[in-house]
Amino acid sequence: MNFPPQLQQKIEKWASSQGISTEQFVLQAIAEKIDTLSQQVTEEHTQQNSEMTRQRQVQ
């Protein structure tokens, strides 16, 4: 992938400090972001389900 030069330098720095390739670093970063977003969606659905259950109990 083509990243802006400043971002590319940061990626290379962090990848090097972890002893992995830039490709591995980017893949790990993407996987972590997807996992975080998935957890947020799951939590939101859990909260929505709890609210719907509470509303049904009130009725």
PDB file of N, CA and C in Angstrom:
ATOM      1  N   MET A   1       0.840  -1.176   0.000  1.00  0.00           N
ATOM      2  CA  MET A   1       0.000   0.000   0.000  1.00  0.00           C
ATOM      3  C   MET A   1       0.887   1.243   0.000  1.00  0.00           C
ATOM      4  N   ASN A   2       0.378   2.282  -0.557  1.00  0.00           N
ATOM      5  CA  ASN A   2       1.095   3.563  -0.549  1.00  0.00           C
ATOM      6  C   ASN A   2       0.541   4.446   0.552  1.00  0.00           C
ATOM      7  N   PHE A   3       1.402   4.777   1.498  1.00  0.00           N
ATOM      8  CA  PHE A   3       1.024   5.643   2.602  1.00  0.00           C
ATOM      9  C   PHE A   3       1.736   6.980   2.444  1.00  0.00           C
ATOM     10  N   PRO A   4       1.183   8.032   3.027  1.00  0.00           N
ATOM     11  CA  PRO A   4       1.920   9.299   3.032  1.00  0.00           C
ATOM     12  C   PRO A   4       3.284   9.069   3.690  1.00  0.00           C
ATOM     13  N   PRO A   5       4.310   9.763   3.218  1.00  0.00           N
ATOM     14  CA  PRO A   5       5.680   9.520   3.720  1.00  0.00           C
ATOM     15  C   PRO A   5       5.824   9.546   5.235  1.00  0.00           C
ATOM     16  N   GLN A   6       5.184  10.515   5.885  1.00  0.00           N
ATOM     17  CA  GLN A   6       5.310  10.610   7.343  1.00  0.00           C
ATOM     18  C   GLN A   6       4.710   9.383   8.030  1.00  0.00           C
ATOM     19  N   LEU A   7       3.559   8.915   7.548  1.00  0.00           N
ATOM     20  CA  LEU A   7       2.932   7.729   8.113  1.00  0.00           C
ATOM     21  C   LEU A   7       3.781   6.498   7.818  1.00  0.00           C
ATOM     22  N   GLN A   8       4.334   6.408   6.621  1.00  0.00           N
ATOM     23  CA  GLN A   8       5.186   5.279   6.247  1.00  0.00           C
ATOM     24  C   GLN A   8       6.385   5.177   7.193  1.00  0.00           C
ATOM     25  N   GLN A   9       6.965   6.321   7.533  1.00  0.00           N
ATOM     26  CA  GLN A   9       8.107   6.322   8.455  1.00  0.00           C
ATOM     27  C   GLN A   9       7.705   5.800   9.835  1.00  0.00           C
ATOM     28  N   LYS A  10       6.531   6.206  10.296  1.00  0.00           N
ATOM     29  CA  LYS A  10       6.055   5.731  11.597  1.00  0.00           C
ATOM     30  C   LYS A  10       5.796   4.231  11.562  1.00  0.00           C
ATOM     31  N   ILE A  11       5.190   3.768  10.486  1.00  0.00           N
ATOM     32  CA  ILE A  11       4.925   2.329  10.342  1.00  0.00           C
ATOM     33  C   ILE A  11       6.237   1.562  10.381  1.00  0.00           C
ATOM     34  N   GLU A  12       7.214   2.021   9.612  1.00  0.00           N
ATOM     35  CA  GLU A  12       8.515   1.346   9.564  1.00  0.00           C
ATOM     36  C   GLU A  12       9.190   1.339  10.927  1.00  0.00           C
ATOM     37  N   LYS A  13       9.095   2.467  11.642  1.00  0.00           N
ATOM     38  CA  LYS A  13       9.702   2.564  12.979  1.00  0.00           C
ATOM     39  C   LYS A  13       9.071   1.546  13.931  1.00  0.00           C
ATOM     40  N   TRP A  14       7.733   1.534  13.985  1.00  0.00           N
ATOM     41  CA  TRP A  14       7.049   0.641  14.912  1.00  0.00           C
ATOM     42  C   TRP A  14       7.232  -0.826  14.520  1.00  0.00           C
ATOM     43  N   ALA A  15       7.183  -1.109  13.240  1.00  0.00           N
ATOM     44  CA  ALA A  15       7.384  -2.487  12.785  1.00  0.00           C
ATOM     45  C   ALA A  15       8.787  -2.964  13.164  1.00  0.00           C
ATOM     46  N   SER A  16       9.755  -2.120  12.916  1.00  0.00           N
ATOM     47  CA  SER A  16      11.137  -2.468  13.247  1.00  0.00           C
ATOM     48  C   SER A  16      11.304  -2.697  14.744  1.00  0.00           C
ATOM     49  N   SER A  17      10.684  -1.839  15.551  1.00  0.00           N
ATOM     50  CA  SER A  17      10.827  -1.981  17.009  1.00  0.00           C
ATOM     51  C   SER A  17      10.192  -3.271  17.520  1.00  0.00           C
ATOM     52  N   GLN A  18       9.249  -3.811  16.748  1.00  0.00           N
ATOM     53  CA  GLN A  18       8.599  -5.063  17.131  1.00  0.00           C
ATOM     54  C   GLN A  18       9.201  -6.266  16.412  1.00  0.00           C
ATOM     55  N   GLY A  19      10.165  -6.006  15.551  1.00  0.00           N
ATOM     56  CA  GLY A  19      10.843  -7.095  14.847  1.00  0.00           C
ATOM     57  C   GLY A  19       9.983  -7.772  13.795  1.00  0.00           C
ATOM     58  N   ILE A  20       9.067  -7.006  13.191  1.00  0.00           N
ATOM     59  CA  ILE A  20       8.203  -7.571  12.157  1.00  0.00           C
ATOM     60  C   ILE A  20       8.278  -6.706  10.904  1.00  0.00           C
ATOM     61  N   SER A  21       7.779  -7.226   9.811  1.00  0.00           N
ATOM     62  CA  SER A  21       7.771  -6.463   8.569  1.00  0.00           C
ATOM     63  C   SER A  21       6.682  -5.385   8.630  1.00  0.00           C
ATOM     64  N   THR A  22       6.818  -4.412   7.742  1.00  0.00           N
ATOM     65  CA  THR A  22       5.796  -3.359   7.696  1.00  0.00           C
ATOM     66  C   THR A  22       4.447  -3.955   7.312  1.00  0.00           C
ATOM     67  N   GLU A  23       4.461  -4.955   6.441  1.00  0.00           N
ATOM     68  CA  GLU A  23       3.208  -5.606   6.039  1.00  0.00           C
ATOM     69  C   GLU A  23       2.542  -6.283   7.225  1.00  0.00           C
ATOM     70  N   GLN A  24       3.340  -6.993   8.031  1.00  0.00           N
ATOM     71  CA  GLN A  24       2.789  -7.643   9.218  1.00  0.00           C
ATOM     72  C   GLN A  24       2.234  -6.616  10.197  1.00  0.00           C
ATOM     73  N   PHE A  25       2.948  -5.507  10.356  1.00  0.00           N
ATOM     74  CA  PHE A  25       2.496  -4.464  11.268  1.00  0.00           C
ATOM     75  C   PHE A  25       1.153  -3.906  10.824  1.00  0.00           C
ATOM     76  N   VAL A  26       1.027  -3.599   9.536  1.00  0.00           N
ATOM     77  CA  VAL A  26      -0.220  -3.043   9.011  1.00  0.00           C
ATOM     78  C   VAL A  26      -1.352  -4.049   9.162  1.00  0.00           C
ATOM     79  N   LEU A  27      -1.093  -5.315   8.858  1.00  0.00           N
ATOM     80  CA  LEU A  27      -2.129  -6.338   9.013  1.00  0.00           C
ATOM     81  C   LEU A  27      -2.572  -6.475  10.462  1.00  0.00           C
ATOM     82  N   GLN A  28      -1.636  -6.444  11.384  1.00  0.00           N
ATOM     83  CA  GLN A  28      -1.988  -6.528  12.806  1.00  0.00           C
ATOM     84  C   GLN A  28      -2.807  -5.318  13.235  1.00  0.00           C
ATOM     85  N   ALA A  29      -2.409  -4.135  12.762  1.00  0.00           N
ATOM     86  CA  ALA A  29      -3.139  -2.920  13.118  1.00  0.00           C
ATOM     87  C   ALA A  29      -4.571  -2.978  12.595  1.00  0.00           C
ATOM     88  N   ILE A  30      -4.736  -3.442  11.377  1.00  0.00           N
ATOM     89  CA  ILE A  30      -6.077  -3.558  10.802  1.00  0.00           C
ATOM     90  C   ILE A  30      -6.897  -4.586  11.575  1.00  0.00           C
ATOM     91  N   ALA A  31      -6.294  -5.730  11.885  1.00  0.00           N
ATOM     92  CA  ALA A  31      -7.001  -6.773  12.625  1.00  0.00           C
ATOM     93  C   ALA A  31      -7.436  -6.267  14.004  1.00  0.00           C
ATOM     94  N   GLU A  32      -6.556  -5.526  14.681  1.00  0.00           N
ATOM     95  CA  GLU A  32      -6.902  -4.968  15.992  1.00  0.00           C
ATOM     96  C   GLU A  32      -8.053  -3.975  15.879  1.00  0.00           C
ATOM     97  N   LYS A  33      -8.036  -3.145  14.852  1.00  0.00           N
ATOM     98  CA  LYS A  33      -9.103  -2.163  14.662  1.00  0.00           C
ATOM     99  C   LYS A  33     -10.431  -2.864  14.398  1.00  0.00           C
ATOM    100  N   ILE A  34     -10.416  -3.883  13.553  1.00  0.00           N
ATOM    101  CA  ILE A  34     -11.636  -4.634  13.258  1.00  0.00           C
ATOM    102  C   ILE A  34     -12.164  -5.302  14.517  1.00  0.00           C
ATOM    103  N   ASP A  35     -11.273  -5.866  15.318  1.00  0.00           N
ATOM    104  CA  ASP A  35     -11.689  -6.504  16.573  1.00  0.00           C
ATOM    105  C   ASP A  35     -12.329  -5.492  17.519  1.00  0.00           C
ATOM    106  N   THR A  36     -11.726  -4.320  17.631  1.00  0.00           N
ATOM    107  CA  THR A  36     -12.268  -3.270  18.492  1.00  0.00           C
ATOM    108  C   THR A  36     -13.651  -2.839  18.025  1.00  0.00           C
ATOM    109  N   LEU A  37     -13.795  -2.619  16.722  1.00  0.00           N
ATOM    110  CA  LEU A  37     -15.098  -2.221  16.180  1.00  0.00           C
ATOM    111  C   LEU A  37     -16.138  -3.318  16.387  1.00  0.00           C
ATOM    112  N   SER A  38     -15.739  -4.561  16.209  1.00  0.00           N
ATOM    113  CA  SER A  38     -16.664  -5.679  16.406  1.00  0.00           C
ATOM    114  C   SER A  38     -17.131  -5.747  17.850  1.00  0.00           C
ATOM    115  N   GLN A  39     -16.219  -5.529  18.784  1.00  0.00           N
ATOM    116  CA  GLN A  39     -16.582  -5.530  20.199  1.00  0.00           C
ATOM    117  C   GLN A  39     -17.551  -4.394  20.509  1.00  0.00           C
ATOM    118  N   GLN A  40     -17.318  -3.222  19.923  1.00  0.00           N
ATOM    119  CA  GLN A  40     -18.210  -2.086  20.146  1.00  0.00           C
ATOM    120  C   GLN A  40     -19.614  -2.380  19.628  1.00  0.00           C
ATOM    121  N   VAL A  41     -19.693  -2.981  18.459  1.00  0.00           N
ATOM    122  CA  VAL A  41     -20.997  -3.313  17.880  1.00  0.00           C
ATOM    123  C   VAL A  41     -21.709  -4.333  18.758  1.00  0.00           C
ATOM    124  N   THR A  42     -20.978  -5.331  19.232  1.00  0.00           N
ATOM    125  CA  THR A  42     -21.563  -6.350  20.103  1.00  0.00           C
ATOM    126  C   THR A  42     -22.086  -5.716  21.383  1.00  0.00           C
ATOM    127  N   GLU A  43     -21.310  -4.807  21.965  1.00  0.00           N
ATOM    128  CA  GLU A  43     -21.741  -4.126  23.189  1.00  0.00           C
ATOM    129  C   GLU A  43     -22.984  -3.271  22.933  1.00  0.00           C
ATOM    130  N   GLU A  44     -23.016  -2.590  21.786  1.00  0.00           N
ATOM    131  CA  GLU A  44     -24.178  -1.763  21.455  1.00  0.00           C
ATOM    132  C   GLU A  44     -25.424  -2.629  21.297  1.00  0.00           C
ATOM    133  N   HIS A  45     -25.275  -3.772  20.638  1.00  0.00           N
ATOM    134  CA  HIS A  45     -26.419  -4.670  20.456  1.00  0.00           C
ATOM    135  C   HIS A  45     -26.889  -5.219  21.801  1.00  0.00           C
ATOM    136  N   THR A  46     -25.951  -5.526  22.677  1.00  0.00           N
ATOM    137  CA  THR A  46     -26.300  -6.024  24.007  1.00  0.00           C
ATOM    138  C   THR A  46     -27.070  -4.958  24.774  1.00  0.00           C
ATOM    139  N   GLN A  47     -26.606  -3.714  24.698  1.00  0.00           N
ATOM    140  CA  GLN A  47     -27.300  -2.624  25.389  1.00  0.00           C
ATOM    141  C   GLN A  47     -28.690  -2.407  24.806  1.00  0.00           C
ATOM    142  N   GLN A  48     -28.809  -2.455  23.485  1.00  0.00           N
ATOM    143  CA  GLN A  48     -30.113  -2.276  22.846  1.00  0.00           C
ATOM    144  C   GLN A  48     -31.075  -3.388  23.257  1.00  0.00           C
ATOM    145  N   ASN A  49     -30.577  -4.614  23.298  1.00  0.00           N
ATOM    146  CA  ASN A  49     -31.421  -5.740  23.704  1.00  0.00           C
ATOM    147  C   ASN A  49     -31.863  -5.594  25.155  1.00  0.00           C
ATOM    148  N   SER A  50     -30.968  -5.117  26.013  1.00  0.00           N
ATOM    149  CA  SER A  50     -31.313  -4.912  27.423  1.00  0.00           C
ATOM    150  C   SER A  50     -32.376  -3.837  27.562  1.00  0.00           C
ATOM    151  N   GLU A  51     -32.238  -2.764  26.796  1.00  0.00           N
ATOM    152  CA  GLU A  51     -33.223  -1.685  26.850  1.00  0.00           C
ATOM    153  C   GLU A  51     -34.582  -2.167  26.348  1.00  0.00           C
ATOM    154  N   MET A  52     -34.596  -2.949  25.290  1.00  0.00           N
ATOM    155  CA  MET A  52     -35.856  -3.468  24.756  1.00  0.00           C
ATOM    156  C   MET A  52     -36.511  -4.399  25.765  1.00  0.00           C
ATOM    157  N   THR A  53     -35.709  -5.207  26.439  1.00  0.00           N
ATOM    158  CA  THR A  53     -36.244  -6.116  27.459  1.00  0.00           C
ATOM    159  C   THR A  53     -36.845  -5.315  28.607  1.00  0.00           C
ATOM    160  N   ARG A  54     -36.164  -4.261  29.048  1.00  0.00           N
ATOM    161  CA  ARG A  54     -36.677  -3.411  30.125  1.00  0.00           C
ATOM    162  C   ARG A  54     -37.985  -2.734  29.706  1.00  0.00           C
ATOM    163  N   GLN A  55     -38.045  -2.276  28.485  1.00  0.00           N
ATOM    164  CA  GLN A  55     -39.263  -1.618  28.010  1.00  0.00           C
ATOM    165  C   GLN A  55     -40.440  -2.591  27.980  1.00  0.00           C
ATOM    166  N   ARG A  56     -40.188  -3.810  27.599  1.00  0.00           N
ATOM    167  CA  ARG A  56     -41.254  -4.824  27.572  1.00  0.00           C
ATOM    168  C   ARG A  56     -41.741  -5.120  28.981  1.00  0.00           C
ATOM    169  N   GLN A  57     -40.811  -5.130  29.933  1.00  0.00           N
ATOM    170  CA  GLN A  57     -41.188  -5.433  31.309  1.00  0.00           C
ATOM    171  C   GLN A  57     -42.036  -4.317  31.905  1.00  0.00           C
ATOM    172  N   VAL A  58     -41.783  -3.086  31.475  1.00  0.00           N
ATOM    173  CA  VAL A  58     -42.532  -1.936  31.987  1.00  0.00           C
ATOM    174  C   VAL A  58     -43.968  -1.955  31.443  1.00  0.00           C
ATOM    175  N   GLN A  59     -44.134  -2.400  30.228  1.00  0.00           N
ATOM    176  CA  GLN A  59     -45.464  -2.416  29.591  1.00  0.00           C
ATOM    177  C   GLN A  59     -46.301  -3.451  30.193  1.00  0.00           C
TER     178      GLN A  59
END
